[in-house]
Amino acid sequence: MKTNNKCEVAAATRYEKEGWKVVDSGWPDFLLYRWSGGEIEVKFSEVKSETAAVRDNQETVLRILSQLAPAVVCREQHNRFSEKRVLPIPQDEYYHRTDKTPWERCLRHETCSVRYHVCEPRNGKDNGC
């Protein structure tokens, strides 16, 4: 563990008290794991001081990792820590119509038998649907 970052050291101590094993990965800061009821529980944590900003590339990595397990930003505020959950990147939405119906949201795109489909990215950008 990097001992020159007092915020990370304090966060690691807090997580260890909660039963987490801390892997100081650096991308994000911590990969946390613990055994619970015979199953492994995993969490990703980016540790920031009270005033430090989460960089865009860190936010992107956390959003991608949150598809696999909870991802959080752990922030120190007046010697207290808080976690803010990072949500996954929104998935694309599919719509379909028949010759006799208007466009409507398709909840089962992969197995749907309707002939006409269109993909509309949730974030408003064309990302190759």
N, C-alpha and C. Protein backbone atom coordinates (compact mmCIF):
# COMPACT_ATOMS: atom_id res chain seq x y z
N MET A 1 0.84 -1.18 0.00
CA MET A 1 0.00 0.00 0.00
C MET A 1 0.88 1.24 0.00
N LYS A 2 0.45 2.22 -0.79
CA LYS A 2 1.17 3.49 -0.80
C LYS A 2 0.96 4.18 0.55
N THR A 3 2.03 4.47 1.23
CA THR A 3 1.89 5.08 2.55
C THR A 3 2.03 6.60 2.48
N ASN A 4 2.28 7.14 1.30
CA ASN A 4 2.42 8.59 1.19
C ASN A 4 1.07 9.29 0.99
N ASN A 5 0.02 8.53 0.83
CA ASN A 5 -1.31 9.11 0.63
C ASN A 5 -2.14 8.83 1.87
N LYS A 6 -2.21 9.82 2.77
CA LYS A 6 -2.87 9.59 4.06
C LYS A 6 -4.36 9.30 3.90
N CYS A 7 -4.97 9.85 2.87
CA CYS A 7 -6.39 9.59 2.64
C CYS A 7 -6.62 8.11 2.28
N GLU A 8 -5.76 7.55 1.44
CA GLU A 8 -5.88 6.14 1.07
C GLU A 8 -5.59 5.23 2.26
N VAL A 9 -4.61 5.58 3.06
CA VAL A 9 -4.28 4.78 4.24
C VAL A 9 -5.47 4.78 5.20
N ALA A 10 -6.06 5.93 5.42
CA ALA A 10 -7.22 6.02 6.32
C ALA A 10 -8.41 5.25 5.76
N ALA A 11 -8.63 5.35 4.45
CA ALA A 11 -9.74 4.62 3.82
C ALA A 11 -9.51 3.12 3.92
N ALA A 12 -8.29 2.67 3.67
CA ALA A 12 -7.98 1.24 3.75
C ALA A 12 -8.21 0.73 5.17
N THR A 13 -7.82 1.50 6.16
CA THR A 13 -8.04 1.10 7.56
C THR A 13 -9.53 0.97 7.84
N ARG A 14 -10.31 1.92 7.35
CA ARG A 14 -11.76 1.86 7.54
C ARG A 14 -12.35 0.64 6.87
N TYR A 15 -11.97 0.38 5.61
CA TYR A 15 -12.50 -0.79 4.89
C TYR A 15 -12.11 -2.09 5.59
N GLU A 16 -10.87 -2.18 6.07
CA GLU A 16 -10.44 -3.39 6.77
C GLU A 16 -11.26 -3.64 8.03
N LYS A 17 -11.64 -2.58 8.73
CA LYS A 17 -12.50 -2.72 9.91
C LYS A 17 -13.87 -3.27 9.54
N GLU A 18 -14.31 -3.01 8.30
CA GLU A 18 -15.60 -3.52 7.81
C GLU A 18 -15.47 -4.94 7.26
N GLY A 19 -14.27 -5.51 7.34
CA GLY A 19 -14.07 -6.89 6.90
C GLY A 19 -13.58 -7.04 5.47
N TRP A 20 -13.30 -5.93 4.80
CA TRP A 20 -12.82 -5.99 3.42
C TRP A 20 -11.32 -6.30 3.39
N LYS A 21 -10.89 -7.07 2.43
CA LYS A 21 -9.48 -7.21 2.08
C LYS A 21 -9.21 -6.17 1.01
N VAL A 22 -8.13 -5.45 1.12
CA VAL A 22 -7.85 -4.33 0.22
C VAL A 22 -6.71 -4.69 -0.72
N VAL A 23 -6.99 -4.62 -2.02
CA VAL A 23 -5.95 -4.75 -3.03
C VAL A 23 -5.71 -3.36 -3.57
N ASP A 24 -4.51 -2.86 -3.35
CA ASP A 24 -4.14 -1.50 -3.76
C ASP A 24 -3.78 -1.54 -5.24
N SER A 25 -4.81 -1.44 -6.08
CA SER A 25 -4.61 -1.66 -7.51
C SER A 25 -4.19 -0.40 -8.25
N GLY A 26 -4.64 0.75 -7.80
CA GLY A 26 -4.30 1.99 -8.48
C GLY A 26 -5.20 2.30 -9.67
N TRP A 27 -6.08 1.37 -10.04
CA TRP A 27 -6.96 1.60 -11.19
C TRP A 27 -8.24 0.84 -11.06
N PRO A 28 -9.19 1.21 -10.28
CA PRO A 28 -9.20 2.37 -9.38
C PRO A 28 -8.29 2.13 -8.18
N ASP A 29 -8.35 3.03 -7.22
CA ASP A 29 -7.42 2.94 -6.09
C ASP A 29 -7.48 1.58 -5.40
N PHE A 30 -8.68 1.10 -5.09
CA PHE A 30 -8.80 -0.17 -4.38
C PHE A 30 -9.76 -1.11 -5.08
N LEU A 31 -9.38 -2.38 -5.09
CA LEU A 31 -10.30 -3.47 -5.36
C LEU A 31 -10.52 -4.11 -4.00
N LEU A 32 -11.76 -4.14 -3.54
CA LEU A 32 -12.08 -4.66 -2.22
C LEU A 32 -12.82 -5.98 -2.37
N TYR A 33 -12.53 -6.92 -1.48
CA TYR A 33 -13.28 -8.17 -1.50
C TYR A 33 -13.38 -8.72 -0.08
N ARG A 34 -14.46 -9.46 0.13
CA ARG A 34 -14.65 -10.15 1.40
C ARG A 34 -15.60 -11.32 1.16
N TRP A 35 -15.50 -12.30 2.05
CA TRP A 35 -16.37 -13.46 1.97
C TRP A 35 -17.61 -13.20 2.80
N SER A 36 -18.77 -13.50 2.24
CA SER A 36 -20.03 -13.29 2.92
C SER A 36 -20.96 -14.45 2.61
N GLY A 37 -21.26 -15.25 3.62
CA GLY A 37 -22.15 -16.39 3.42
C GLY A 37 -21.63 -17.39 2.41
N GLY A 38 -20.33 -17.59 2.36
CA GLY A 38 -19.75 -18.56 1.44
C GLY A 38 -19.54 -18.03 0.03
N GLU A 39 -19.89 -16.76 -0.22
CA GLU A 39 -19.69 -16.16 -1.54
C GLU A 39 -18.80 -14.94 -1.42
N ILE A 40 -18.08 -14.65 -2.48
CA ILE A 40 -17.20 -13.48 -2.46
C ILE A 40 -17.99 -12.24 -2.85
N GLU A 41 -17.75 -11.18 -2.13
CA GLU A 41 -18.35 -9.88 -2.40
C GLU A 41 -17.22 -8.97 -2.87
N VAL A 42 -17.46 -8.21 -3.93
CA VAL A 42 -16.42 -7.37 -4.52
C VAL A 42 -16.94 -5.94 -4.62
N LYS A 43 -16.03 -4.99 -4.46
CA LYS A 43 -16.37 -3.57 -4.62
C LYS A 43 -15.12 -2.85 -5.14
N PHE A 44 -15.33 -1.84 -5.98
CA PHE A 44 -14.25 -1.00 -6.49
C PHE A 44 -14.37 0.37 -5.82
N SER A 45 -13.25 0.94 -5.40
CA SER A 45 -13.28 2.22 -4.70
C SER A 45 -12.20 3.15 -5.21
N GLU A 46 -12.60 4.34 -5.61
CA GLU A 46 -11.68 5.43 -5.94
C GLU A 46 -11.69 6.35 -4.72
N VAL A 47 -10.52 6.58 -4.12
CA VAL A 47 -10.42 7.35 -2.89
C VAL A 47 -9.97 8.77 -3.22
N LYS A 48 -10.73 9.73 -2.72
CA LYS A 48 -10.43 11.14 -2.97
C LYS A 48 -10.45 11.91 -1.66
N SER A 49 -9.63 12.95 -1.60
CA SER A 49 -9.69 13.85 -0.45
C SER A 49 -10.93 14.73 -0.60
N GLU A 50 -11.14 15.57 0.37
CA GLU A 50 -12.34 16.41 0.40
C GLU A 50 -12.45 17.30 -0.85
N THR A 51 -11.32 17.78 -1.35
CA THR A 51 -11.35 18.74 -2.45
C THR A 51 -10.95 18.16 -3.81
N ALA A 52 -10.44 16.96 -3.83
CA ALA A 52 -9.96 16.38 -5.10
C ALA A 52 -11.13 16.00 -6.01
N ALA A 53 -10.95 16.26 -7.28
CA ALA A 53 -11.99 15.94 -8.26
C ALA A 53 -11.76 14.56 -8.86
N VAL A 54 -12.84 13.92 -9.25
CA VAL A 54 -12.75 12.65 -9.99
C VAL A 54 -12.53 13.02 -11.45
N ARG A 55 -11.45 12.54 -12.03
CA ARG A 55 -11.15 12.85 -13.43
C ARG A 55 -12.11 12.10 -14.36
N ASP A 56 -12.27 12.62 -15.57
CA ASP A 56 -13.19 12.00 -16.54
C ASP A 56 -12.83 10.55 -16.80
N ASN A 57 -11.53 10.24 -16.97
CA ASN A 57 -11.15 8.86 -17.25
C ASN A 57 -11.43 7.95 -16.06
N GLN A 58 -11.31 8.47 -14.83
CA GLN A 58 -11.64 7.68 -13.65
C GLN A 58 -13.14 7.40 -13.59
N GLU A 59 -13.94 8.40 -13.90
CA GLU A 59 -15.40 8.23 -13.91
C GLU A 59 -15.79 7.18 -14.94
N THR A 60 -15.18 7.21 -16.11
CA THR A 60 -15.48 6.23 -17.16
C THR A 60 -15.12 4.83 -16.70
N VAL A 61 -13.95 4.65 -16.13
CA VAL A 61 -13.52 3.34 -15.64
C VAL A 61 -14.48 2.83 -14.57
N LEU A 62 -14.85 3.69 -13.63
CA LEU A 62 -15.76 3.27 -12.56
C LEU A 62 -17.13 2.90 -13.12
N ARG A 63 -17.61 3.64 -14.11
CA ARG A 63 -18.92 3.32 -14.71
C ARG A 63 -18.88 1.97 -15.41
N ILE A 64 -17.77 1.67 -16.07
CA ILE A 64 -17.63 0.37 -16.73
C ILE A 64 -17.52 -0.75 -15.69
N LEU A 65 -16.67 -0.55 -14.68
CA LEU A 65 -16.51 -1.56 -13.64
C LEU A 65 -17.80 -1.80 -12.85
N SER A 66 -18.65 -0.79 -12.76
CA SER A 66 -19.89 -0.95 -11.99
C SER A 66 -20.86 -1.91 -12.66
N GLN A 67 -20.57 -2.32 -13.90
CA GLN A 67 -21.35 -3.38 -14.53
C GLN A 67 -21.04 -4.73 -13.87
N LEU A 68 -19.85 -4.83 -13.26
CA LEU A 68 -19.40 -6.09 -12.66
C LEU A 68 -19.67 -6.17 -11.16
N ALA A 69 -19.50 -5.05 -10.48
CA ALA A 69 -19.66 -4.99 -9.02
C ALA A 69 -19.84 -3.53 -8.63
N PRO A 70 -20.33 -3.25 -7.42
CA PRO A 70 -20.48 -1.86 -7.02
C PRO A 70 -19.17 -1.09 -7.14
N ALA A 71 -19.27 0.13 -7.63
CA ALA A 71 -18.12 1.02 -7.73
C ALA A 71 -18.49 2.30 -6.99
N VAL A 72 -17.56 2.81 -6.18
CA VAL A 72 -17.84 3.97 -5.35
C VAL A 72 -16.68 4.95 -5.39
N VAL A 73 -17.00 6.20 -5.08
CA VAL A 73 -15.98 7.19 -4.79
C VAL A 73 -16.04 7.40 -3.28
N CYS A 74 -14.94 7.10 -2.63
CA CYS A 74 -14.82 7.25 -1.18
C CYS A 74 -14.14 8.60 -0.93
N ARG A 75 -14.82 9.47 -0.21
CA ARG A 75 -14.31 10.82 0.00
C ARG A 75 -14.16 11.10 1.48
N GLU A 76 -13.01 11.68 1.82
CA GLU A 76 -12.76 12.08 3.20
C GLU A 76 -13.29 13.49 3.39
N GLN A 77 -14.10 13.67 4.43
CA GLN A 77 -14.61 15.00 4.76
C GLN A 77 -14.53 15.16 6.27
N HIS A 78 -13.59 16.00 6.71
CA HIS A 78 -13.39 16.26 8.14
C HIS A 78 -13.17 14.97 8.92
N ASN A 79 -12.24 14.14 8.45
CA ASN A 79 -11.87 12.86 9.06
C ASN A 79 -13.01 11.85 9.10
N ARG A 80 -14.03 12.04 8.28
CA ARG A 80 -15.13 11.08 8.12
C ARG A 80 -15.17 10.71 6.65
N PHE A 81 -15.55 9.49 6.39
CA PHE A 81 -15.60 9.01 5.02
C PHE A 81 -17.03 8.80 4.57
N SER A 82 -17.26 9.13 3.32
CA SER A 82 -18.57 8.86 2.73
C SER A 82 -18.32 8.18 1.38
N GLU A 83 -19.28 7.38 0.97
CA GLU A 83 -19.19 6.71 -0.33
C GLU A 83 -20.33 7.18 -1.21
N LYS A 84 -20.01 7.45 -2.45
CA LYS A 84 -21.03 7.77 -3.44
C LYS A 84 -20.94 6.71 -4.53
N ARG A 85 -22.04 6.02 -4.76
CA ARG A 85 -22.09 4.95 -5.76
C ARG A 85 -22.01 5.53 -7.16
N VAL A 86 -21.24 4.90 -8.01
CA VAL A 86 -21.14 5.28 -9.42
C VAL A 86 -22.01 4.32 -10.21
N LEU A 87 -22.91 4.87 -11.00
CA LEU A 87 -23.85 4.04 -11.75
C LEU A 87 -23.27 3.62 -13.09
N PRO A 88 -23.70 2.47 -13.61
CA PRO A 88 -23.19 2.00 -14.90
C PRO A 88 -23.57 2.93 -16.04
N ILE A 89 -22.85 2.78 -17.14
CA ILE A 89 -23.20 3.49 -18.37
C ILE A 89 -24.55 2.98 -18.84
N PRO A 90 -25.47 3.87 -19.18
CA PRO A 90 -26.79 3.40 -19.63
C PRO A 90 -26.69 2.52 -20.86
N GLN A 91 -27.52 1.50 -20.88
CA GLN A 91 -27.57 0.60 -22.02
C GLN A 91 -28.45 1.21 -23.10
N ASP A 92 -28.24 0.75 -24.32
CA ASP A 92 -29.05 1.24 -25.43
C ASP A 92 -30.47 0.72 -25.32
N GLU A 93 -31.40 1.48 -25.88
CA GLU A 93 -32.80 1.09 -25.90
C GLU A 93 -33.19 0.73 -27.33
N TYR A 94 -33.94 -0.34 -27.47
CA TYR A 94 -34.40 -0.77 -28.77
C TYR A 94 -35.90 -0.51 -28.89
N TYR A 95 -36.30 -0.13 -30.09
CA TYR A 95 -37.70 0.11 -30.40
C TYR A 95 -38.08 -0.73 -31.61
N HIS A 96 -39.35 -1.10 -31.69
CA HIS A 96 -39.80 -1.83 -32.87
C HIS A 96 -41.19 -1.36 -33.28
N ARG A 97 -41.55 -1.72 -34.51
CA ARG A 97 -42.90 -1.45 -34.99
C ARG A 97 -43.25 -2.52 -36.01
N THR A 98 -44.50 -2.68 -36.22
CA THR A 98 -44.97 -3.54 -37.31
C THR A 98 -45.56 -2.64 -38.38
N ASP A 99 -46.05 -3.23 -39.45
CA ASP A 99 -46.68 -2.42 -40.49
C ASP A 99 -47.93 -1.73 -39.99
N LYS A 100 -48.50 -2.21 -38.89
CA LYS A 100 -49.77 -1.68 -38.39
C LYS A 100 -49.66 -0.97 -37.04
N THR A 101 -48.46 -0.90 -36.45
CA THR A 101 -48.32 -0.29 -35.13
C THR A 101 -47.24 0.79 -35.17
N PRO A 102 -47.33 1.74 -34.26
CA PRO A 102 -46.27 2.76 -34.18
C PRO A 102 -45.03 2.19 -33.48
N TRP A 103 -43.95 2.97 -33.45
CA TRP A 103 -42.75 2.56 -32.74
C TRP A 103 -43.05 2.44 -31.26
N GLU A 104 -42.58 1.37 -30.64
CA GLU A 104 -42.70 1.19 -29.20
C GLU A 104 -41.44 0.52 -28.67
N ARG A 105 -41.18 0.74 -27.40
CA ARG A 105 -39.97 0.20 -26.79
C ARG A 105 -40.03 -1.33 -26.81
N CYS A 106 -38.90 -1.95 -27.19
CA CYS A 106 -38.79 -3.40 -27.25
C CYS A 106 -37.94 -3.87 -26.08
N LEU A 107 -38.53 -4.64 -25.19
CA LEU A 107 -37.82 -5.08 -23.99
C LEU A 107 -37.07 -6.39 -24.19
N ARG A 108 -37.33 -7.08 -25.30
CA ARG A 108 -36.69 -8.38 -25.56
C ARG A 108 -36.10 -8.40 -26.98
N HIS A 109 -35.26 -7.44 -27.28
CA HIS A 109 -34.74 -7.27 -28.64
C HIS A 109 -34.13 -8.56 -29.21
N GLU A 110 -33.37 -9.27 -28.38
CA GLU A 110 -32.65 -10.45 -28.88
C GLU A 110 -33.59 -11.57 -29.31
N THR A 111 -34.76 -11.65 -28.73
CA THR A 111 -35.68 -12.75 -29.03
C THR A 111 -36.97 -12.28 -29.70
N CYS A 112 -37.06 -11.03 -30.01
CA CYS A 112 -38.28 -10.45 -30.56
C CYS A 112 -38.48 -10.88 -32.02
N SER A 113 -39.72 -11.13 -32.39
CA SER A 113 -40.02 -11.58 -33.76
C SER A 113 -40.49 -10.44 -34.67
N VAL A 114 -40.58 -9.23 -34.14
CA VAL A 114 -41.03 -8.10 -34.96
C VAL A 114 -39.95 -7.76 -35.99
N ARG A 115 -40.39 -7.46 -37.20
CA ARG A 115 -39.47 -7.29 -38.31
C ARG A 115 -38.62 -6.02 -38.23
N TYR A 116 -39.18 -4.91 -37.84
CA TYR A 116 -38.48 -3.63 -37.87
C TYR A 116 -37.98 -3.24 -36.48
N HIS A 117 -36.68 -3.02 -36.37
CA HIS A 117 -36.08 -2.58 -35.12
C HIS A 117 -35.15 -1.39 -35.37
N VAL A 118 -35.03 -0.56 -34.37
CA VAL A 118 -34.07 0.53 -34.42
C VAL A 118 -33.47 0.64 -33.02
N CYS A 119 -32.21 1.00 -32.96
CA CYS A 119 -31.53 1.18 -31.68
C CYS A 119 -31.31 2.66 -31.47
N GLU A 120 -31.69 3.14 -30.31
CA GLU A 120 -31.49 4.54 -29.96
C GLU A 120 -30.64 4.60 -28.70
N PRO A 121 -29.41 5.10 -28.80
CA PRO A 121 -28.57 5.16 -27.60
C PRO A 121 -29.19 6.08 -26.56
N ARG A 122 -29.13 5.67 -25.31
CA ARG A 122 -29.71 6.47 -24.23
C ARG A 122 -28.98 7.79 -24.03
N ASN A 123 -27.68 7.79 -24.29
CA ASN A 123 -26.92 9.02 -24.03
C ASN A 123 -27.00 10.01 -25.18
N GLY A 124 -27.78 9.70 -26.21
CA GLY A 124 -27.98 10.63 -27.32
C GLY A 124 -26.87 10.61 -28.36
N LYS A 125 -25.85 9.77 -28.19
CA LYS A 125 -24.76 9.70 -29.15
C LYS A 125 -24.86 8.39 -29.92
N ASP A 126 -24.42 8.42 -31.15
CA ASP A 126 -24.40 7.20 -31.94
C ASP A 126 -23.19 6.38 -31.52
N ASN A 127 -23.42 5.26 -30.88
CA ASN A 127 -22.30 4.44 -30.43
C ASN A 127 -22.32 3.07 -31.08
N GLY A 128 -22.75 3.02 -32.33
CA GLY A 128 -22.59 1.80 -33.11
C GLY A 128 -23.66 0.77 -32.92
N CYS A 129 -24.89 1.16 -32.64
CA CYS A 129 -25.97 0.19 -32.47
C CYS A 129 -26.25 -0.56 -33.76
